All heavy atoms as atom14 arrays in JSON, in Angstrom:
{
  "sequence": "NRQIAGQLTARVPLFTGGLNASNVRAARERENAARIAVDGAK",
  "atom14_mask": [
    [1, 1, 1, 1, 1, 1, 1, 1, 0, 0, 0, 0, 0, 0],
    [1, 1, 1, 1, 1, 1, 1, 1, 1, 1, 1, 0, 0, 0],
    [1, 1, 1, 1, 1, 1, 1, 1, 1, 0, 0, 0, 0, 0],
    [1, 1, 1, 1, 1, 1, 1, 1, 0, 0, 0, 0, 0, 0],
    [1, 1, 1, 1, 1, 0, 0, 0, 0, 0, 0, 0, 0, 0],
    [1, 1, 1, 1, 0, 0, 0, 0, 0, 0, 0, 0, 0, 0],
    [1, 1, 1, 1, 1, 1, 1, 1, 1, 0, 0, 0, 0, 0],
    [1, 1, 1, 1, 1, 1, 1, 1, 0, 0, 0, 0, 0, 0],
    [1, 1, 1, 1, 1, 1, 1, 0, 0, 0, 0, 0, 0, 0],
    [1, 1, 1, 1, 1, 0, 0, 0, 0, 0, 0, 0, 0, 0],
    [1, 1, 1, 1, 1, 1, 1, 1, 1, 1, 1, 0, 0, 0],
    [1, 1, 1, 1, 1, 1, 1, 0, 0, 0, 0, 0, 0, 0],
    [1, 1, 1, 1, 1, 1, 1, 0, 0, 0, 0, 0, 0, 0],
    [1, 1, 1, 1, 1, 1, 1, 1, 0, 0, 0, 0, 0, 0],
    [1, 1, 1, 1, 1, 1, 1, 1, 1, 1, 1, 0, 0, 0],
    [1, 1, 1, 1, 1, 1, 1, 0, 0, 0, 0, 0, 0, 0],
    [1, 1, 1, 1, 0, 0, 0, 0, 0, 0, 0, 0, 0, 0],
    [1, 1, 1, 1, 0, 0, 0, 0, 0, 0, 0, 0, 0, 0],
    [1, 1, 1, 1, 1, 1, 1, 1, 0, 0, 0, 0, 0, 0],
    [1, 1, 1, 1, 1, 1, 1, 1, 0, 0, 0, 0, 0, 0],
    [1, 1, 1, 1, 1, 0, 0, 0, 0, 0, 0, 0, 0, 0],
    [1, 1, 1, 1, 1, 1, 0, 0, 0, 0, 0, 0, 0, 0],
    [1, 1, 1, 1, 1, 1, 1, 1, 0, 0, 0, 0, 0, 0],
    [1, 1, 1, 1, 1, 1, 1, 0, 0, 0, 0, 0, 0, 0],
    [1, 1, 1, 1, 1, 1, 1, 1, 1, 1, 1, 0, 0, 0],
    [1, 1, 1, 1, 1, 0, 0, 0, 0, 0, 0, 0, 0, 0],
    [1, 1, 1, 1, 1, 0, 0, 0, 0, 0, 0, 0, 0, 0],
    [1, 1, 1, 1, 1, 1, 1, 1, 1, 1, 1, 0, 0, 0],
    [1, 1, 1, 1, 1, 1, 1, 1, 1, 0, 0, 0, 0, 0],
    [1, 1, 1, 1, 1, 1, 1, 1, 1, 1, 1, 0, 0, 0],
    [1, 1, 1, 1, 1, 1, 1, 1, 1, 0, 0, 0, 0, 0],
    [1, 1, 1, 1, 1, 1, 1, 1, 0, 0, 0, 0, 0, 0],
    [1, 1, 1, 1, 1, 0, 0, 0, 0, 0, 0, 0, 0, 0],
    [1, 1, 1, 1, 1, 0, 0, 0, 0, 0, 0, 0, 0, 0],
    [1, 1, 1, 1, 1, 1, 1, 1, 1, 1, 1, 0, 0, 0],
    [1, 1, 1, 1, 1, 1, 1, 1, 0, 0, 0, 0, 0, 0],
    [1, 1, 1, 1, 1, 0, 0, 0, 0, 0, 0, 0, 0, 0],
    [1, 1, 1, 1, 1, 1, 1, 0, 0, 0, 0, 0, 0, 0],
    [1, 1, 1, 1, 1, 1, 1, 1, 0, 0, 0, 0, 0, 0],
    [1, 1, 1, 1, 0, 0, 0, 0, 0, 0, 0, 0, 0, 0],
    [1, 1, 1, 1, 1, 0, 0, 0, 0, 0, 0, 0, 0, 0],
    [1, 1, 1, 1, 1, 1, 1, 1, 1, 0, 0, 0, 0, 0]
  ],
  "atom14_positions": [
    [[0.88, -1.27, 0.0], [0.05, -0.05, -0.01], [0.88, 1.21, 0.04], [1.71, 1.41, 0.9], [-0.84, 0.09, 1.16], [-1.84, -1.19, 1.3], [-2.36, -1.55, 0.19], [-2.13, -1.71, 2.46], [0.0, 0.0, 0.0], [0.0, 0.0, 0.0], [0.0, 0.0, 0.0], [0.0, 0.0, 0.0], [0.0, 0.0, 0.0], [0.0, 0.0, 0.0]],
    [[0.79, 2.0, -1.05], [1.64, 3.27, -1.1], [0.67, 4.39, -0.79], [-0.4, 4.5, -1.13], [2.19, 3.39, -2.46], [3.13, 2.36, -2.85], [3.69, 2.56, -4.32], [4.79, 1.67, -4.63], [4.53, 0.46, -5.15], [3.27, -0.05, -5.19], [5.48, -0.39, -5.32], [0.0, 0.0, 0.0], [0.0, 0.0, 0.0], [0.0, 0.0, 0.0]],
    [[1.45, 5.37, -0.11], [0.77, 6.56, 0.35], [1.43, 7.83, 0.02], [2.71, 7.91, 0.42], [0.26, 6.54, 1.85], [-0.63, 7.66, 2.34], [-0.83, 7.72, 3.83], [0.03, 7.09, 4.54], [-1.85, 8.21, 4.21], [0.0, 0.0, 0.0], [0.0, 0.0, 0.0], [0.0, 0.0, 0.0], [0.0, 0.0, 0.0], [0.0, 0.0, 0.0]],
    [[0.83, 8.84, -0.59], [1.44, 10.21, -0.91], [0.6, 11.15, -0.29], [-0.66, 11.19, -0.64], [1.75, 10.4, -2.29], [2.75, 9.32, -2.88], [2.35, 11.83, -2.57], [2.97, 9.46, -4.37], [0.0, 0.0, 0.0], [0.0, 0.0, 0.0], [0.0, 0.0, 0.0], [0.0, 0.0, 0.0], [0.0, 0.0, 0.0], [0.0, 0.0, 0.0]],
    [[0.96, 12.15, 0.52], [0.22, 13.06, 1.21], [0.92, 14.38, 1.36], [2.07, 14.46, 1.37], [-0.16, 12.57, 2.61], [0.0, 0.0, 0.0], [0.0, 0.0, 0.0], [0.0, 0.0, 0.0], [0.0, 0.0, 0.0], [0.0, 0.0, 0.0], [0.0, 0.0, 0.0], [0.0, 0.0, 0.0], [0.0, 0.0, 0.0], [0.0, 0.0, 0.0]],
    [[0.1, 15.45, 1.26], [0.62, 16.82, 1.47], [-0.3, 17.53, 2.34], [-1.56, 17.28, 2.34], [0.0, 0.0, 0.0], [0.0, 0.0, 0.0], [0.0, 0.0, 0.0], [0.0, 0.0, 0.0], [0.0, 0.0, 0.0], [0.0, 0.0, 0.0], [0.0, 0.0, 0.0], [0.0, 0.0, 0.0], [0.0, 0.0, 0.0], [0.0, 0.0, 0.0]],
    [[0.19, 18.56, 3.0], [-0.68, 19.36, 3.98], [-0.05, 20.63, 4.14], [1.04, 20.94, 4.01], [-0.91, 18.53, 5.22], [0.63, 18.48, 5.89], [0.43, 17.73, 7.27], [-0.65, 17.15, 7.63], [1.42, 17.76, 8.11], [0.0, 0.0, 0.0], [0.0, 0.0, 0.0], [0.0, 0.0, 0.0], [0.0, 0.0, 0.0], [0.0, 0.0, 0.0]],
    [[-1.0, 21.51, 4.4], [-0.71, 22.99, 4.82], [-1.44, 23.24, 6.04], [-2.63, 23.16, 6.24], [-1.19, 24.03, 3.7], [-0.84, 25.45, 3.85], [0.63, 25.56, 3.67], [-1.64, 26.27, 2.82], [0.0, 0.0, 0.0], [0.0, 0.0, 0.0], [0.0, 0.0, 0.0], [0.0, 0.0, 0.0], [0.0, 0.0, 0.0], [0.0, 0.0, 0.0]],
    [[-0.44, 23.59, 7.07], [-1.07, 23.71, 8.49], [-0.86, 25.08, 9.04], [0.23, 25.61, 8.88], [-0.24, 22.81, 9.41], [-0.36, 21.32, 8.94], [-0.8, 22.83, 10.79], [0.0, 0.0, 0.0], [0.0, 0.0, 0.0], [0.0, 0.0, 0.0], [0.0, 0.0, 0.0], [0.0, 0.0, 0.0], [0.0, 0.0, 0.0], [0.0, 0.0, 0.0]],
    [[-1.93, 25.62, 9.57], [-1.99, 26.99, 10.11], [-2.35, 26.82, 11.58], [-3.36, 26.08, 12.0], [-2.87, 27.89, 9.4], [0.0, 0.0, 0.0], [0.0, 0.0, 0.0], [0.0, 0.0, 0.0], [0.0, 0.0, 0.0], [0.0, 0.0, 0.0], [0.0, 0.0, 0.0], [0.0, 0.0, 0.0], [0.0, 0.0, 0.0], [0.0, 0.0, 0.0]],
    [[-1.47, 27.44, 12.48], [-1.72, 27.38, 13.92], [-2.08, 28.8, 14.44], [-1.09, 29.63, 14.22], [-0.63, 26.7, 14.58], [-0.76, 26.69, 16.12], [0.46, 25.94, 16.68], [0.46, 26.04, 18.2], [0.84, 27.15, 18.98], [1.37, 28.15, 18.34], [0.75, 27.21, 20.21], [0.0, 0.0, 0.0], [0.0, 0.0, 0.0], [0.0, 0.0, 0.0]],
    [[-3.17, 29.04, 15.15], [-3.52, 30.29, 15.53], [-3.66, 30.17, 17.12], [-4.57, 29.44, 17.5], [-4.78, 30.94, 14.99], [-5.11, 32.36, 15.49], [-4.6, 31.09, 13.48], [0.0, 0.0, 0.0], [0.0, 0.0, 0.0], [0.0, 0.0, 0.0], [0.0, 0.0, 0.0], [0.0, 0.0, 0.0], [0.0, 0.0, 0.0], [0.0, 0.0, 0.0]],
    [[-2.8, 30.86, 17.99], [-3.07, 30.75, 19.39], [-4.22, 31.55, 19.83], [-4.37, 32.82, 19.32], [-1.8, 31.36, 19.93], [-1.22, 32.18, 18.91], [-1.61, 31.64, 17.52], [0.0, 0.0, 0.0], [0.0, 0.0, 0.0], [0.0, 0.0, 0.0], [0.0, 0.0, 0.0], [0.0, 0.0, 0.0], [0.0, 0.0, 0.0], [0.0, 0.0, 0.0]],
    [[-5.03, 31.08, 20.66], [-6.43, 31.68, 20.93], [-6.36, 32.06, 22.42], [-6.67, 33.28, 22.93], [-7.66, 30.86, 20.76], [-7.98, 30.63, 19.2], [-9.03, 29.75, 19.1], [-8.05, 31.91, 18.49], [0.0, 0.0, 0.0], [0.0, 0.0, 0.0], [0.0, 0.0, 0.0], [0.0, 0.0, 0.0], [0.0, 0.0, 0.0], [0.0, 0.0, 0.0]],
    [[-5.85, 31.18, 23.31], [-5.83, 31.36, 24.77], [-4.73, 30.63, 25.36], [-4.75, 29.3, 25.09], [-7.14, 31.08, 25.44], [-7.2, 31.39, 27.02], [-7.1, 32.6, 27.41], [-7.3, 30.22, 27.78], [-7.13, 32.72, 28.86], [-7.24, 30.46, 29.16], [-7.2, 31.67, 29.67], [0.0, 0.0, 0.0], [0.0, 0.0, 0.0], [0.0, 0.0, 0.0]],
    [[-3.91, 31.11, 26.11], [-2.79, 30.33, 26.76], [-2.67, 30.56, 28.37], [-1.74, 30.24, 28.92], [-1.35, 30.92, 26.14], [-1.14, 32.31, 26.48], [-1.3, 30.64, 24.74], [0.0, 0.0, 0.0], [0.0, 0.0, 0.0], [0.0, 0.0, 0.0], [0.0, 0.0, 0.0], [0.0, 0.0, 0.0], [0.0, 0.0, 0.0], [0.0, 0.0, 0.0]],
    [[-3.72, 31.0, 28.87], [-3.82, 31.11, 30.29], [-2.83, 32.18, 30.89], [-2.52, 32.12, 32.02], [0.0, 0.0, 0.0], [0.0, 0.0, 0.0], [0.0, 0.0, 0.0], [0.0, 0.0, 0.0], [0.0, 0.0, 0.0], [0.0, 0.0, 0.0], [0.0, 0.0, 0.0], [0.0, 0.0, 0.0], [0.0, 0.0, 0.0], [0.0, 0.0, 0.0]],
    [[-2.52, 33.18, 30.08], [-1.61, 34.2, 30.45], [-0.2, 33.97, 30.33], [0.71, 34.79, 30.67], [0.0, 0.0, 0.0], [0.0, 0.0, 0.0], [0.0, 0.0, 0.0], [0.0, 0.0, 0.0], [0.0, 0.0, 0.0], [0.0, 0.0, 0.0], [0.0, 0.0, 0.0], [0.0, 0.0, 0.0], [0.0, 0.0, 0.0], [0.0, 0.0, 0.0]],
    [[0.09, 32.76, 29.71], [1.62, 32.42, 29.46], [2.27, 33.49, 28.69], [3.47, 33.87, 28.97], [1.6, 31.1, 28.96], [3.08, 30.48, 28.69], [3.91, 30.46, 29.88], [2.98, 29.19, 27.85], [0.0, 0.0, 0.0], [0.0, 0.0, 0.0], [0.0, 0.0, 0.0], [0.0, 0.0, 0.0], [0.0, 0.0, 0.0], [0.0, 0.0, 0.0]],
    [[1.6, 33.78, 27.52], [2.37, 34.66, 26.52], [2.62, 36.02, 27.1], [3.68, 36.62, 26.93], [1.52, 34.79, 25.28], [1.5, 33.47, 24.48], [2.4, 32.57, 24.72], [0.63, 33.36, 23.5], [0.0, 0.0, 0.0], [0.0, 0.0, 0.0], [0.0, 0.0, 0.0], [0.0, 0.0, 0.0], [0.0, 0.0, 0.0], [0.0, 0.0, 0.0]],
    [[1.65, 36.51, 27.84], [1.72, 37.93, 28.39], [2.85, 37.92, 29.49], [3.61, 38.82, 29.58], [0.33, 38.34, 28.99], [0.0, 0.0, 0.0], [0.0, 0.0, 0.0], [0.0, 0.0, 0.0], [0.0, 0.0, 0.0], [0.0, 0.0, 0.0], [0.0, 0.0, 0.0], [0.0, 0.0, 0.0], [0.0, 0.0, 0.0], [0.0, 0.0, 0.0]],
    [[2.89, 36.75, 30.32], [3.97, 36.64, 31.33], [5.43, 36.61, 30.66], [6.31, 37.29, 31.18], [3.71, 35.43, 32.11], [4.72, 35.35, 33.03], [0.0, 0.0, 0.0], [0.0, 0.0, 0.0], [0.0, 0.0, 0.0], [0.0, 0.0, 0.0], [0.0, 0.0, 0.0], [0.0, 0.0, 0.0], [0.0, 0.0, 0.0], [0.0, 0.0, 0.0]],
    [[5.46, 35.89, 29.57], [6.74, 35.8, 28.87], [7.26, 37.08, 28.35], [8.38, 37.44, 28.42], [6.69, 34.8, 27.81], [6.68, 33.34, 28.32], [7.02, 33.04, 29.39], [6.04, 32.4, 27.45], [0.0, 0.0, 0.0], [0.0, 0.0, 0.0], [0.0, 0.0, 0.0], [0.0, 0.0, 0.0], [0.0, 0.0, 0.0], [0.0, 0.0, 0.0]],
    [[6.39, 37.94, 27.79], [6.67, 39.21, 27.33], [7.1, 40.17, 28.5], [7.95, 40.9, 28.33], [5.35, 39.92, 26.56], [5.64, 41.35, 26.12], [5.02, 39.0, 25.27], [0.0, 0.0, 0.0], [0.0, 0.0, 0.0], [0.0, 0.0, 0.0], [0.0, 0.0, 0.0], [0.0, 0.0, 0.0], [0.0, 0.0, 0.0], [0.0, 0.0, 0.0]],
    [[6.35, 40.12, 29.58], [6.79, 40.96, 30.7], [8.1, 40.59, 31.17], [9.03, 41.45, 31.51], [5.68, 40.89, 31.7], [4.37, 41.54, 31.44], [3.6, 41.76, 32.76], [3.24, 40.4, 33.27], [2.07, 39.67, 33.09], [1.37, 40.18, 32.24], [1.92, 38.56, 33.7], [0.0, 0.0, 0.0], [0.0, 0.0, 0.0], [0.0, 0.0, 0.0]],
    [[8.44, 39.33, 31.22], [9.74, 38.79, 31.77], [10.84, 39.31, 30.85], [11.98, 39.72, 31.22], [9.67, 37.22, 31.88], [0.0, 0.0, 0.0], [0.0, 0.0, 0.0], [0.0, 0.0, 0.0], [0.0, 0.0, 0.0], [0.0, 0.0, 0.0], [0.0, 0.0, 0.0], [0.0, 0.0, 0.0], [0.0, 0.0, 0.0], [0.0, 0.0, 0.0]],
    [[10.58, 39.08, 29.48], [11.54, 39.53, 28.48], [11.78, 40.95, 28.55], [13.02, 41.52, 28.4], [11.04, 39.12, 27.1], [0.0, 0.0, 0.0], [0.0, 0.0, 0.0], [0.0, 0.0, 0.0], [0.0, 0.0, 0.0], [0.0, 0.0, 0.0], [0.0, 0.0, 0.0], [0.0, 0.0, 0.0], [0.0, 0.0, 0.0], [0.0, 0.0, 0.0]],
    [[10.76, 41.76, 28.83], [10.89, 43.26, 28.99], [11.8, 43.58, 30.07], [12.67, 44.48, 30.08], [9.62, 43.97, 29.24], [8.81, 44.19, 27.9], [9.63, 45.16, 26.92], [8.79, 45.49, 25.74], [9.21, 46.2, 24.8], [10.63, 46.48, 24.7], [8.45, 46.48, 23.7], [0.0, 0.0, 0.0], [0.0, 0.0, 0.0], [0.0, 0.0, 0.0]],
    [[11.69, 42.94, 31.25], [12.45, 43.09, 32.42], [13.89, 42.74, 32.18], [14.82, 43.38, 32.71], [11.89, 42.51, 33.6], [10.51, 43.06, 34.11], [10.56, 44.58, 34.41], [11.55, 44.94, 34.89], [9.57, 45.15, 34.2], [0.0, 0.0, 0.0], [0.0, 0.0, 0.0], [0.0, 0.0, 0.0], [0.0, 0.0, 0.0], [0.0, 0.0, 0.0]],
    [[14.17, 41.62, 31.54], [15.45, 41.24, 31.15], [16.13, 42.25, 30.26], [17.32, 42.53, 30.36], [15.49, 39.84, 30.56], [15.29, 38.78, 31.61], [15.58, 37.33, 30.87], [14.46, 36.96, 30.02], [13.36, 36.28, 30.48], [13.31, 35.87, 31.72], [12.49, 35.87, 29.56], [0.0, 0.0, 0.0], [0.0, 0.0, 0.0], [0.0, 0.0, 0.0]],
    [[15.33, 42.89, 29.39], [15.89, 43.87, 28.5], [16.26, 45.16, 29.38], [17.23, 45.72, 29.05], [14.76, 44.3, 27.46], [15.27, 45.34, 26.49], [14.16, 45.9, 25.56], [12.94, 45.86, 26.01], [14.43, 46.37, 24.53], [0.0, 0.0, 0.0], [0.0, 0.0, 0.0], [0.0, 0.0, 0.0], [0.0, 0.0, 0.0], [0.0, 0.0, 0.0]],
    [[15.46, 45.4, 30.36], [15.8, 46.49, 31.22], [16.96, 46.32, 32.0], [17.95, 47.13, 32.01], [14.59, 46.81, 32.13], [13.47, 47.44, 31.64], [13.47, 48.06, 30.55], [12.16, 47.29, 32.25], [0.0, 0.0, 0.0], [0.0, 0.0, 0.0], [0.0, 0.0, 0.0], [0.0, 0.0, 0.0], [0.0, 0.0, 0.0], [0.0, 0.0, 0.0]],
    [[17.21, 45.08, 32.47], [18.42, 44.63, 33.15], [19.67, 44.79, 32.25], [20.81, 45.26, 32.7], [18.25, 43.2, 33.82], [0.0, 0.0, 0.0], [0.0, 0.0, 0.0], [0.0, 0.0, 0.0], [0.0, 0.0, 0.0], [0.0, 0.0, 0.0], [0.0, 0.0, 0.0], [0.0, 0.0, 0.0], [0.0, 0.0, 0.0], [0.0, 0.0, 0.0]],
    [[19.5, 44.39, 30.92], [20.65, 44.49, 30.14], [21.03, 45.87, 29.67], [22.16, 46.21, 29.67], [20.19, 43.79, 28.81], [0.0, 0.0, 0.0], [0.0, 0.0, 0.0], [0.0, 0.0, 0.0], [0.0, 0.0, 0.0], [0.0, 0.0, 0.0], [0.0, 0.0, 0.0], [0.0, 0.0, 0.0], [0.0, 0.0, 0.0], [0.0, 0.0, 0.0]],
    [[19.89, 46.8, 29.78], [20.21, 48.31, 29.38], [20.88, 48.72, 30.69], [21.87, 49.6, 30.44], [18.89, 48.96, 29.19], [19.19, 50.34, 28.77], [17.76, 51.14, 28.41], [17.09, 50.29, 27.35], [15.97, 49.53, 27.46], [15.52, 49.31, 28.67], [15.53, 48.89, 26.46], [0.0, 0.0, 0.0], [0.0, 0.0, 0.0], [0.0, 0.0, 0.0]],
    [[20.52, 48.61, 31.82], [21.1, 49.01, 33.05], [22.63, 48.51, 33.08], [23.52, 49.16, 33.58], [20.35, 48.52, 34.23], [18.94, 49.26, 34.24], [21.02, 48.97, 35.5], [17.96, 48.78, 35.28], [0.0, 0.0, 0.0], [0.0, 0.0, 0.0], [0.0, 0.0, 0.0], [0.0, 0.0, 0.0], [0.0, 0.0, 0.0], [0.0, 0.0, 0.0]],
    [[22.77, 47.15, 32.66], [24.2, 46.72, 32.62], [25.14, 47.43, 31.72], [26.32, 47.64, 32.16], [24.17, 45.15, 32.31], [0.0, 0.0, 0.0], [0.0, 0.0, 0.0], [0.0, 0.0, 0.0], [0.0, 0.0, 0.0], [0.0, 0.0, 0.0], [0.0, 0.0, 0.0], [0.0, 0.0, 0.0], [0.0, 0.0, 0.0], [0.0, 0.0, 0.0]],
    [[24.55, 48.02, 30.69], [25.36, 48.86, 29.83], [25.83, 50.07, 30.55], [27.13, 50.44, 30.41], [24.51, 49.26, 28.59], [25.43, 50.33, 27.69], [24.36, 48.03, 27.74], [0.0, 0.0, 0.0], [0.0, 0.0, 0.0], [0.0, 0.0, 0.0], [0.0, 0.0, 0.0], [0.0, 0.0, 0.0], [0.0, 0.0, 0.0], [0.0, 0.0, 0.0]],
    [[24.97, 50.8, 31.33], [25.35, 51.95, 32.08], [26.4, 51.61, 33.09], [27.29, 52.32, 33.52], [24.07, 52.61, 32.8], [23.16, 53.15, 31.67], [23.54, 53.54, 30.57], [21.89, 53.29, 32.03], [0.0, 0.0, 0.0], [0.0, 0.0, 0.0], [0.0, 0.0, 0.0], [0.0, 0.0, 0.0], [0.0, 0.0, 0.0], [0.0, 0.0, 0.0]],
    [[26.17, 50.46, 33.76], [27.05, 49.96, 34.75], [28.55, 49.68, 34.1], [29.39, 50.05, 34.82], [0.0, 0.0, 0.0], [0.0, 0.0, 0.0], [0.0, 0.0, 0.0], [0.0, 0.0, 0.0], [0.0, 0.0, 0.0], [0.0, 0.0, 0.0], [0.0, 0.0, 0.0], [0.0, 0.0, 0.0], [0.0, 0.0, 0.0], [0.0, 0.0, 0.0]],
    [[28.51, 49.02, 32.96], [29.84, 48.75, 32.38], [30.56, 50.05, 31.92], [31.63, 50.2, 32.21], [29.57, 47.88, 31.04], [0.0, 0.0, 0.0], [0.0, 0.0, 0.0], [0.0, 0.0, 0.0], [0.0, 0.0, 0.0], [0.0, 0.0, 0.0], [0.0, 0.0, 0.0], [0.0, 0.0, 0.0], [0.0, 0.0, 0.0], [0.0, 0.0, 0.0]],
    [[29.73, 51.02, 31.53], [30.37, 52.34, 31.19], [30.94, 52.94, 32.38], [32.16, 53.62, 32.39], [29.34, 53.33, 30.59], [28.92, 52.96, 29.18], [27.79, 53.91, 28.73], [27.34, 53.57, 27.25], [26.38, 54.42, 26.83], [0.0, 0.0, 0.0], [0.0, 0.0, 0.0], [0.0, 0.0, 0.0], [0.0, 0.0, 0.0], [0.0, 0.0, 0.0]]
  ]
}
């Protein structure tokens, strides 16, 4: 039995229980820390 298949998949996030928002806030704070580190290095 031979099988040939093709597919096009789209994934749309609808609700993650606040995970994505938390990740963005954490990334922003790490960015702030990195910016402050530049001033400290100077």
